[in-house]
Amino acid sequence: MSVSPVKYAILEHVWMFNKPAKPADIAKNANMSFSTVMMHLIGLAKVEYVSSPEKGFYAITEKGKRALGIPEVNRQKAAEILKHLPVEKAFHFYAEIGKPLNISAESLGVFCERISKIGLNSIEFHLRRGDFEAWIAELGDAELARKLSLIKKQKVGGEELRKKLCETVQKRLEELTKIKAT
């Protein structure tokens, strides 16, 4: 089934929540009216791209993820994404071009720890350039890379940006760890 640009955008925002979300929160996040979002959520539910696990909340389904082009991750792929990397493949933090901080992340888990403590100027520098999403895509996690790209489009900064990044990466780490264990 073809998804209109508006439905696609709403589906992306439902996906970004990583948990069941209220239509009002989805509307706020997507910068759309509540009535528009509600109407499209009903349509997305009819084609099983979203579900309503509890009254008044919506979550993306596996079918919805496929409609967004999100690849499924199996146990082997999760292990590959979570593995410890050699220093040359690690993420190296910079304050700006030519100014390394001599801080690196050799795994997604370490990356999560580093972004919770690294200077905001470094986070904003790397996010603006697309460095985080490029490194994560190189790890093989297209889903997390895409989520970081969407965070960049939201144009948030400061501690709100750090919080969104930390929450997004932490949730993904938990998902991948669970997949790896199955």
N, C-alpha and C. Protein backbone atom coordinates (compact mmCIF):
# COMPACT_ATOMS: atom_id res chain seq x y z
N MET A 1 0.83 -1.18 0.00
CA MET A 1 0.00 0.00 0.00
C MET A 1 0.88 1.25 0.00
N SER A 2 0.51 2.21 -0.79
CA SER A 2 1.20 3.48 -0.85
C SER A 2 0.76 4.35 0.33
N VAL A 3 1.70 5.05 0.92
CA VAL A 3 1.40 5.90 2.08
C VAL A 3 1.63 7.34 1.67
N SER A 4 0.64 8.19 1.90
CA SER A 4 0.76 9.61 1.57
C SER A 4 1.88 10.25 2.39
N PRO A 5 2.44 11.37 1.92
CA PRO A 5 3.49 12.04 2.68
C PRO A 5 3.09 12.40 4.12
N VAL A 6 1.83 12.79 4.31
CA VAL A 6 1.38 13.15 5.66
C VAL A 6 1.31 11.90 6.54
N LYS A 7 0.74 10.82 6.02
CA LYS A 7 0.68 9.57 6.79
C LYS A 7 2.09 9.06 7.10
N TYR A 8 2.97 9.18 6.12
CA TYR A 8 4.35 8.74 6.30
C TYR A 8 5.01 9.53 7.44
N ALA A 9 4.82 10.85 7.44
CA ALA A 9 5.40 11.70 8.50
C ALA A 9 4.84 11.32 9.86
N ILE A 10 3.54 11.08 9.94
CA ILE A 10 2.92 10.69 11.21
C ILE A 10 3.47 9.35 11.66
N LEU A 11 3.58 8.41 10.73
CA LEU A 11 4.12 7.09 11.05
C LEU A 11 5.55 7.20 11.58
N GLU A 12 6.35 8.08 10.97
CA GLU A 12 7.72 8.30 11.45
C GLU A 12 7.72 8.82 12.88
N HIS A 13 6.82 9.73 13.18
CA HIS A 13 6.78 10.29 14.53
C HIS A 13 6.29 9.26 15.55
N VAL A 14 5.36 8.41 15.17
CA VAL A 14 4.92 7.33 16.06
C VAL A 14 6.11 6.41 16.33
N TRP A 15 6.86 6.10 15.29
CA TRP A 15 8.03 5.23 15.39
C TRP A 15 9.10 5.85 16.30
N MET A 16 9.29 7.15 16.20
CA MET A 16 10.31 7.83 17.01
C MET A 16 10.02 7.74 18.51
N PHE A 17 8.77 7.63 18.89
CA PHE A 17 8.46 7.57 20.32
C PHE A 17 8.99 6.30 20.98
N ASN A 18 9.11 5.22 20.22
CA ASN A 18 9.63 3.96 20.76
C ASN A 18 8.75 3.36 21.85
N LYS A 19 7.56 3.88 22.01
CA LYS A 19 6.61 3.36 22.99
C LYS A 19 5.23 3.90 22.60
N PRO A 20 4.17 3.31 23.12
CA PRO A 20 2.85 3.84 22.80
C PRO A 20 2.75 5.32 23.18
N ALA A 21 2.17 6.10 22.27
CA ALA A 21 2.10 7.55 22.46
C ALA A 21 0.68 8.05 22.25
N LYS A 22 0.37 9.14 22.92
CA LYS A 22 -0.94 9.77 22.78
C LYS A 22 -0.97 10.58 21.47
N PRO A 23 -2.11 10.60 20.79
CA PRO A 23 -2.22 11.38 19.56
C PRO A 23 -1.83 12.86 19.74
N ALA A 24 -2.16 13.44 20.88
CA ALA A 24 -1.80 14.85 21.13
C ALA A 24 -0.29 15.03 21.14
N ASP A 25 0.43 14.07 21.72
CA ASP A 25 1.90 14.15 21.74
C ASP A 25 2.48 13.95 20.35
N ILE A 26 1.88 13.04 19.59
CA ILE A 26 2.32 12.81 18.21
C ILE A 26 2.10 14.08 17.39
N ALA A 27 0.94 14.71 17.56
CA ALA A 27 0.62 15.94 16.84
C ALA A 27 1.62 17.05 17.18
N LYS A 28 1.91 17.19 18.45
CA LYS A 28 2.87 18.22 18.88
C LYS A 28 4.24 17.96 18.28
N ASN A 29 4.69 16.72 18.34
CA ASN A 29 6.00 16.34 17.81
C ASN A 29 6.07 16.53 16.30
N ALA A 30 4.97 16.23 15.61
CA ALA A 30 4.93 16.32 14.15
C ALA A 30 4.56 17.73 13.68
N ASN A 31 4.24 18.61 14.62
CA ASN A 31 3.83 19.98 14.30
C ASN A 31 2.61 19.98 13.37
N MET A 32 1.62 19.16 13.73
CA MET A 32 0.37 19.04 12.98
C MET A 32 -0.79 19.20 13.95
N SER A 33 -1.97 19.43 13.40
CA SER A 33 -3.15 19.56 14.26
C SER A 33 -3.55 18.19 14.80
N PHE A 34 -4.16 18.20 15.97
CA PHE A 34 -4.63 16.97 16.58
C PHE A 34 -5.60 16.24 15.66
N SER A 35 -6.55 16.98 15.05
CA SER A 35 -7.57 16.33 14.21
C SER A 35 -6.94 15.66 12.99
N THR A 36 -5.93 16.29 12.40
CA THR A 36 -5.24 15.70 11.25
C THR A 36 -4.56 14.40 11.66
N VAL A 37 -3.83 14.46 12.77
CA VAL A 37 -3.10 13.28 13.24
C VAL A 37 -4.08 12.17 13.59
N MET A 38 -5.14 12.49 14.28
CA MET A 38 -6.13 11.48 14.69
C MET A 38 -6.76 10.80 13.48
N MET A 39 -7.14 11.59 12.49
CA MET A 39 -7.74 11.04 11.28
C MET A 39 -6.78 10.06 10.59
N HIS A 40 -5.51 10.44 10.49
CA HIS A 40 -4.54 9.58 9.82
C HIS A 40 -4.16 8.36 10.66
N LEU A 41 -4.15 8.52 11.98
CA LEU A 41 -3.88 7.36 12.84
C LEU A 41 -4.95 6.30 12.67
N ILE A 42 -6.19 6.73 12.54
CA ILE A 42 -7.29 5.78 12.32
C ILE A 42 -7.06 5.02 11.01
N GLY A 43 -6.68 5.75 9.97
CA GLY A 43 -6.38 5.11 8.68
C GLY A 43 -5.18 4.18 8.77
N LEU A 44 -4.14 4.59 9.49
CA LEU A 44 -2.95 3.74 9.65
C LEU A 44 -3.27 2.50 10.47
N ALA A 45 -4.20 2.62 11.42
CA ALA A 45 -4.61 1.46 12.21
C ALA A 45 -5.39 0.46 11.36
N LYS A 46 -6.22 0.97 10.43
CA LYS A 46 -7.01 0.08 9.56
C LYS A 46 -6.12 -0.79 8.69
N VAL A 47 -4.96 -0.26 8.27
CA VAL A 47 -4.04 -1.06 7.43
C VAL A 47 -2.96 -1.73 8.29
N GLU A 48 -3.14 -1.65 9.61
CA GLU A 48 -2.27 -2.32 10.60
C GLU A 48 -0.83 -1.81 10.61
N TYR A 49 -0.64 -0.52 10.30
CA TYR A 49 0.69 0.10 10.41
C TYR A 49 0.92 0.60 11.82
N VAL A 50 -0.17 0.88 12.54
CA VAL A 50 -0.10 1.21 13.96
C VAL A 50 -1.14 0.37 14.68
N SER A 51 -0.93 0.22 15.96
CA SER A 51 -1.91 -0.48 16.79
C SER A 51 -2.20 0.41 17.99
N SER A 52 -3.25 0.06 18.70
CA SER A 52 -3.60 0.79 19.92
C SER A 52 -3.54 -0.21 21.07
N PRO A 53 -2.34 -0.38 21.65
CA PRO A 53 -2.18 -1.38 22.72
C PRO A 53 -2.97 -1.06 23.98
N GLU A 54 -3.28 0.22 24.16
CA GLU A 54 -4.17 0.62 25.26
C GLU A 54 -4.95 1.83 24.79
N LYS A 55 -6.11 2.03 25.37
CA LYS A 55 -7.01 3.09 24.92
C LYS A 55 -6.30 4.46 24.94
N GLY A 56 -6.39 5.14 23.80
CA GLY A 56 -5.82 6.47 23.71
C GLY A 56 -4.34 6.54 23.39
N PHE A 57 -3.73 5.41 23.08
CA PHE A 57 -2.30 5.35 22.76
C PHE A 57 -2.10 4.59 21.45
N TYR A 58 -1.08 4.99 20.69
CA TYR A 58 -0.76 4.33 19.43
C TYR A 58 0.72 3.98 19.39
N ALA A 59 1.01 2.84 18.75
CA ALA A 59 2.39 2.38 18.59
C ALA A 59 2.55 1.82 17.18
N ILE A 60 3.74 1.90 16.66
CA ILE A 60 4.00 1.37 15.33
C ILE A 60 4.06 -0.16 15.40
N THR A 61 3.64 -0.81 14.33
CA THR A 61 3.71 -2.27 14.24
C THR A 61 4.90 -2.65 13.36
N GLU A 62 5.20 -3.95 13.30
CA GLU A 62 6.27 -4.42 12.41
C GLU A 62 5.91 -4.09 10.96
N LYS A 63 4.64 -4.22 10.62
CA LYS A 63 4.18 -3.87 9.27
C LYS A 63 4.41 -2.38 9.00
N GLY A 64 4.18 -1.54 10.00
CA GLY A 64 4.43 -0.11 9.88
C GLY A 64 5.90 0.19 9.70
N LYS A 65 6.76 -0.52 10.43
CA LYS A 65 8.21 -0.34 10.27
C LYS A 65 8.64 -0.71 8.85
N ARG A 66 8.07 -1.79 8.33
CA ARG A 66 8.41 -2.19 6.95
C ARG A 66 7.96 -1.12 5.96
N ALA A 67 6.81 -0.49 6.22
CA ALA A 67 6.32 0.58 5.34
C ALA A 67 7.27 1.77 5.34
N LEU A 68 7.97 1.98 6.45
CA LEU A 68 8.97 3.05 6.54
C LEU A 68 10.32 2.63 5.95
N GLY A 69 10.44 1.34 5.63
CA GLY A 69 11.70 0.84 5.08
C GLY A 69 12.72 0.52 6.15
N ILE A 70 12.27 0.25 7.36
CA ILE A 70 13.16 -0.08 8.47
C ILE A 70 13.49 -1.57 8.39
N PRO A 71 14.76 -1.91 8.24
CA PRO A 71 15.12 -3.33 8.14
C PRO A 71 15.00 -4.05 9.49
N GLU A 72 14.59 -5.30 9.43
CA GLU A 72 14.51 -6.10 10.65
C GLU A 72 15.92 -6.48 11.09
N VAL A 73 16.10 -6.59 12.40
CA VAL A 73 17.39 -6.95 12.96
C VAL A 73 17.25 -8.29 13.67
N ASN A 74 18.06 -9.26 13.24
CA ASN A 74 18.04 -10.57 13.89
C ASN A 74 19.15 -10.63 14.95
N ARG A 75 19.27 -11.76 15.59
CA ARG A 75 20.24 -11.95 16.68
C ARG A 75 21.67 -11.67 16.23
N GLN A 76 22.03 -12.20 15.07
CA GLN A 76 23.39 -12.03 14.55
C GLN A 76 23.68 -10.56 14.24
N LYS A 77 22.72 -9.88 13.63
CA LYS A 77 22.90 -8.47 13.28
C LYS A 77 23.00 -7.62 14.54
N ALA A 78 22.19 -7.93 15.55
CA ALA A 78 22.25 -7.19 16.81
C ALA A 78 23.63 -7.34 17.45
N ALA A 79 24.16 -8.55 17.45
CA ALA A 79 25.50 -8.80 18.01
C ALA A 79 26.56 -8.01 17.25
N GLU A 80 26.42 -7.95 15.94
CA GLU A 80 27.36 -7.20 15.11
C GLU A 80 27.32 -5.70 15.45
N ILE A 81 26.13 -5.16 15.61
CA ILE A 81 25.97 -3.73 15.93
C ILE A 81 26.54 -3.42 17.31
N LEU A 82 26.38 -4.33 18.26
CA LEU A 82 26.80 -4.09 19.63
C LEU A 82 28.27 -4.41 19.92
N LYS A 83 28.97 -4.98 18.96
CA LYS A 83 30.35 -5.42 19.24
C LYS A 83 31.30 -4.26 19.53
N HIS A 84 32.38 -4.62 20.22
CA HIS A 84 33.45 -3.67 20.55
C HIS A 84 34.33 -3.51 19.31
N LEU A 85 34.67 -2.28 18.97
CA LEU A 85 35.42 -1.99 17.75
C LEU A 85 36.88 -1.66 18.02
N PRO A 86 37.74 -1.89 17.03
CA PRO A 86 39.13 -1.43 17.17
C PRO A 86 39.15 0.11 17.16
N VAL A 87 40.18 0.70 17.72
CA VAL A 87 40.25 2.15 17.89
C VAL A 87 40.08 2.91 16.57
N GLU A 88 40.56 2.37 15.47
CA GLU A 88 40.44 3.08 14.20
C GLU A 88 39.00 3.14 13.68
N LYS A 89 38.13 2.28 14.19
CA LYS A 89 36.73 2.30 13.77
C LYS A 89 35.82 2.93 14.83
N ALA A 90 36.40 3.35 15.93
CA ALA A 90 35.64 3.98 17.01
C ALA A 90 35.16 5.36 16.59
N PHE A 91 34.19 5.89 17.32
CA PHE A 91 33.77 7.27 17.08
C PHE A 91 34.68 8.18 17.89
N HIS A 92 35.26 9.17 17.22
CA HIS A 92 36.18 10.11 17.87
C HIS A 92 35.51 11.48 17.95
N PHE A 93 35.39 11.99 19.17
CA PHE A 93 34.71 13.26 19.39
C PHE A 93 35.64 14.44 19.15
N TYR A 94 35.07 15.47 18.56
CA TYR A 94 35.78 16.72 18.29
C TYR A 94 34.96 17.88 18.84
N ALA A 95 35.65 18.98 19.16
CA ALA A 95 34.97 20.22 19.54
C ALA A 95 34.58 20.95 18.26
N GLU A 96 35.46 20.86 17.26
CA GLU A 96 35.23 21.42 15.94
C GLU A 96 36.29 20.82 15.01
N ILE A 97 36.24 21.17 13.74
CA ILE A 97 37.21 20.63 12.79
C ILE A 97 38.62 20.98 13.25
N GLY A 98 39.47 19.95 13.32
CA GLY A 98 40.85 20.15 13.72
C GLY A 98 41.08 20.22 15.21
N LYS A 99 40.01 20.05 16.01
CA LYS A 99 40.15 20.11 17.46
C LYS A 99 39.60 18.85 18.13
N PRO A 100 40.38 17.77 18.08
CA PRO A 100 39.93 16.52 18.71
C PRO A 100 39.89 16.66 20.23
N LEU A 101 38.96 15.96 20.85
CA LEU A 101 38.84 15.97 22.30
C LEU A 101 39.58 14.81 22.95
N ASN A 102 40.16 13.93 22.12
CA ASN A 102 40.84 12.72 22.59
C ASN A 102 39.91 11.84 23.44
N ILE A 103 38.65 11.81 23.03
CA ILE A 103 37.63 10.96 23.64
C ILE A 103 37.01 10.16 22.51
N SER A 104 36.90 8.85 22.72
CA SER A 104 36.31 8.02 21.67
C SER A 104 35.31 7.04 22.26
N ALA A 105 34.54 6.43 21.37
CA ALA A 105 33.56 5.41 21.76
C ALA A 105 33.80 4.20 20.87
N GLU A 106 34.15 3.09 21.50
CA GLU A 106 34.49 1.87 20.77
C GLU A 106 33.30 0.93 20.59
N SER A 107 32.15 1.35 21.09
CA SER A 107 30.94 0.54 20.94
C SER A 107 29.74 1.46 21.12
N LEU A 108 28.58 0.96 20.75
CA LEU A 108 27.36 1.74 20.91
C LEU A 108 27.08 2.01 22.39
N GLY A 109 27.39 1.06 23.25
CA GLY A 109 27.20 1.25 24.69
C GLY A 109 28.08 2.36 25.23
N VAL A 110 29.33 2.38 24.82
CA VAL A 110 30.26 3.44 25.25
C VAL A 110 29.83 4.78 24.66
N PHE A 111 29.35 4.75 23.42
CA PHE A 111 28.86 5.97 22.77
C PHE A 111 27.74 6.59 23.61
N CYS A 112 26.84 5.75 24.09
CA CYS A 112 25.72 6.22 24.92
C CYS A 112 26.25 6.90 26.19
N GLU A 113 27.24 6.30 26.82
CA GLU A 113 27.84 6.89 28.02
C GLU A 113 28.50 8.23 27.70
N ARG A 114 29.23 8.28 26.59
CA ARG A 114 29.97 9.49 26.23
C ARG A 114 29.05 10.68 25.94
N ILE A 115 27.95 10.43 25.22
CA ILE A 115 27.09 11.57 24.89
C ILE A 115 26.35 12.11 26.11
N SER A 116 26.29 11.31 27.16
CA SER A 116 25.65 11.81 28.38
C SER A 116 26.57 12.76 29.14
N LYS A 117 27.88 12.77 28.80
CA LYS A 117 28.84 13.58 29.55
C LYS A 117 29.63 14.56 28.70
N ILE A 118 29.71 14.33 27.41
CA ILE A 118 30.54 15.17 26.53
C ILE A 118 29.96 16.58 26.44
N GLY A 119 30.78 17.55 26.13
CA GLY A 119 30.32 18.92 26.00
C GLY A 119 29.25 19.08 24.93
N LEU A 120 28.30 19.94 25.19
CA LEU A 120 27.20 20.17 24.24
C LEU A 120 27.70 20.69 22.90
N ASN A 121 28.77 21.48 22.92
CA ASN A 121 29.31 22.00 21.65
C ASN A 121 29.74 20.85 20.74
N SER A 122 30.31 19.80 21.32
CA SER A 122 30.73 18.64 20.53
C SER A 122 29.52 17.89 19.98
N ILE A 123 28.51 17.71 20.82
CA ILE A 123 27.29 17.02 20.38
C ILE A 123 26.64 17.77 19.22
N GLU A 124 26.49 19.07 19.39
CA GLU A 124 25.85 19.88 18.34
C GLU A 124 26.69 19.90 17.07
N PHE A 125 28.01 19.97 17.21
CA PHE A 125 28.93 19.94 16.06
C PHE A 125 28.74 18.65 15.26
N HIS A 126 28.79 17.52 15.94
CA HIS A 126 28.69 16.22 15.26
C HIS A 126 27.30 15.96 14.69
N LEU A 127 26.27 16.35 15.42
CA LEU A 127 24.91 16.12 14.92
C LEU A 127 24.65 16.95 13.68
N ARG A 128 25.05 18.21 13.71
CA ARG A 128 24.86 19.11 12.56
C ARG A 128 25.53 18.56 11.30
N ARG A 129 26.71 17.97 11.46
CA ARG A 129 27.46 17.42 10.33
C ARG A 129 26.97 16.03 9.88
N GLY A 130 26.14 15.38 10.71
CA GLY A 130 25.69 14.03 10.39
C GLY A 130 26.68 12.95 10.78
N ASP A 131 27.65 13.30 11.61
CA ASP A 131 28.69 12.34 12.01
C ASP A 131 28.14 11.16 12.80
N PHE A 132 27.23 11.43 13.74
CA PHE A 132 26.68 10.35 14.57
C PHE A 132 25.94 9.34 13.70
N GLU A 133 25.05 9.84 12.85
CA GLU A 133 24.26 8.92 12.03
C GLU A 133 25.14 8.15 11.05
N ALA A 134 26.20 8.78 10.52
CA ALA A 134 27.11 8.09 9.59
C ALA A 134 27.84 6.96 10.31
N TRP A 135 28.34 7.22 11.52
CA TRP A 135 29.05 6.19 12.27
C TRP A 135 28.12 5.04 12.63
N ILE A 136 26.92 5.37 13.07
CA ILE A 136 25.96 4.33 13.46
C ILE A 136 25.51 3.52 12.24
N ALA A 137 25.35 4.18 11.11
CA ALA A 137 25.04 3.45 9.87
C ALA A 137 26.18 2.50 9.52
N GLU A 138 27.41 2.94 9.75
CA GLU A 138 28.58 2.09 9.50
C GLU A 138 28.59 0.87 10.42
N LEU A 139 28.06 1.03 11.63
CA LEU A 139 27.93 -0.10 12.55
C LEU A 139 26.91 -1.12 12.02
N GLY A 140 26.02 -0.65 11.13
CA GLY A 140 25.00 -1.52 10.56
C GLY A 140 23.61 -1.28 11.12
N ASP A 141 23.44 -0.21 11.89
CA ASP A 141 22.13 0.06 12.49
C ASP A 141 21.42 1.19 11.75
N ALA A 142 20.76 0.83 10.65
CA ALA A 142 20.05 1.82 9.84
C ALA A 142 18.92 2.47 10.62
N GLU A 143 18.29 1.71 11.51
CA GLU A 143 17.16 2.24 12.28
C GLU A 143 17.60 3.37 13.21
N LEU A 144 18.65 3.16 13.98
CA LEU A 144 19.12 4.20 14.89
C LEU A 144 19.68 5.39 14.12
N ALA A 145 20.38 5.13 13.04
CA ALA A 145 20.93 6.22 12.22
C ALA A 145 19.80 7.12 11.73
N ARG A 146 18.72 6.51 11.31
CA ARG A 146 17.58 7.28 10.81
C ARG A 146 16.92 8.08 11.93
N LYS A 147 16.83 7.49 13.11
CA LYS A 147 16.25 8.22 14.24
C LYS A 147 17.09 9.45 14.58
N LEU A 148 18.40 9.32 14.54
CA LEU A 148 19.26 10.46 14.82
C LEU A 148 19.11 11.53 13.75
N SER A 149 18.90 11.10 12.52
CA SER A 149 18.66 12.05 11.43
C SER A 149 17.37 12.84 11.69
N LEU A 150 16.36 12.16 12.18
CA LEU A 150 15.09 12.83 12.49
C LEU A 150 15.23 13.78 13.68
N ILE A 151 16.05 13.42 14.65
CA ILE A 151 16.31 14.33 15.78
C ILE A 151 16.98 15.59 15.26
N LYS A 152 17.92 15.43 14.33
CA LYS A 152 18.61 16.59 13.76
C LYS A 152 17.60 17.53 13.08
N LYS A 153 16.62 16.97 12.40
CA LYS A 153 15.60 17.78 11.71
C LYS A 153 14.71 18.54 12.69
N GLN A 154 14.61 18.05 13.92
CA GLN A 154 13.76 18.72 14.91
C GLN A 154 14.39 20.02 15.41
N LYS A 155 15.64 20.24 15.10
CA LYS A 155 16.34 21.49 15.45
C LYS A 155 16.27 21.82 16.94
N VAL A 156 16.51 20.82 17.77
CA VAL A 156 16.60 21.07 19.21
C VAL A 156 18.07 21.24 19.55
N GLY A 157 18.34 21.87 20.65
CA GLY A 157 19.72 22.09 21.06
C GLY A 157 19.86 21.97 22.56
N GLY A 158 21.06 22.18 23.02
CA GLY A 158 21.36 22.19 24.45
C GLY A 158 21.04 20.88 25.14
N GLU A 159 20.63 21.00 26.39
CA GLU A 159 20.35 19.80 27.20
C GLU A 159 19.17 19.00 26.67
N GLU A 160 18.23 19.67 26.00
CA GLU A 160 17.11 18.94 25.41
C GLU A 160 17.62 17.99 24.32
N LEU A 161 18.59 18.45 23.53
CA LEU A 161 19.20 17.61 22.50
C LEU A 161 19.92 16.42 23.15
N ARG A 162 20.72 16.70 24.17
CA ARG A 162 21.45 15.61 24.84
C ARG A 162 20.46 14.57 25.36
N LYS A 163 19.38 15.05 25.99
CA LYS A 163 18.37 14.14 26.56
C LYS A 163 17.75 13.27 25.47
N LYS A 164 17.36 13.89 24.34
CA LYS A 164 16.75 13.12 23.25
C LYS A 164 17.72 12.08 22.70
N LEU A 165 18.98 12.49 22.51
CA LEU A 165 19.98 11.55 22.00
C LEU A 165 20.20 10.40 22.97
N CYS A 166 20.39 10.73 24.24
CA CYS A 166 20.63 9.69 25.24
C CYS A 166 19.46 8.71 25.33
N GLU A 167 18.25 9.24 25.37
CA GLU A 167 17.06 8.36 25.46
C GLU A 167 16.95 7.47 24.23
N THR A 168 17.16 8.05 23.05
CA THR A 168 17.02 7.31 21.81
C THR A 168 18.07 6.20 21.71
N VAL A 169 19.32 6.54 22.02
CA VAL A 169 20.39 5.55 21.94
C VAL A 169 20.20 4.49 23.03
N GLN A 170 19.83 4.90 24.25
CA GLN A 170 19.63 3.95 25.34
C GLN A 170 18.51 2.95 25.01
N LYS A 171 17.39 3.45 24.49
CA LYS A 171 16.29 2.55 24.12
C LYS A 171 16.72 1.57 23.05
N ARG A 172 17.48 2.06 22.09
CA ARG A 172 17.95 1.18 21.02
C ARG A 172 18.92 0.13 21.56
N LEU A 173 19.79 0.54 22.47
CA LEU A 173 20.70 -0.42 23.11
C LEU A 173 19.92 -1.53 23.80
N GLU A 174 18.87 -1.15 24.51
CA GLU A 174 18.03 -2.14 25.20
C GLU A 174 17.37 -3.08 24.21
N GLU A 175 16.84 -2.53 23.10
CA GLU A 175 16.20 -3.37 22.08
C GLU A 175 17.21 -4.36 21.49
N LEU A 176 18.39 -3.86 21.12
CA LEU A 176 19.41 -4.71 20.50
C LEU A 176 19.91 -5.79 21.47
N THR A 177 20.07 -5.42 22.73
CA THR A 177 20.51 -6.38 23.74
C THR A 177 19.49 -7.50 23.91
N LYS A 178 18.22 -7.12 23.88
CA LYS A 178 17.13 -8.09 24.00
C LYS A 178 17.11 -9.02 22.77
N ILE A 179 17.26 -8.45 21.58
CA ILE A 179 17.29 -9.25 20.35
C ILE A 179 18.47 -10.21 20.38
N LYS A 180 19.62 -9.72 20.79
CA LYS A 180 20.84 -10.54 20.84
C LYS A 180 20.68 -11.72 21.79
N ALA A 181 19.94 -11.51 22.87
CA ALA A 181 19.75 -12.56 23.89
C ALA A 181 18.75 -13.63 23.48
N THR A 182 17.94 -13.38 22.45
CA THR A 182 16.91 -14.36 22.07
C THR A 182 17.45 -15.44 21.17
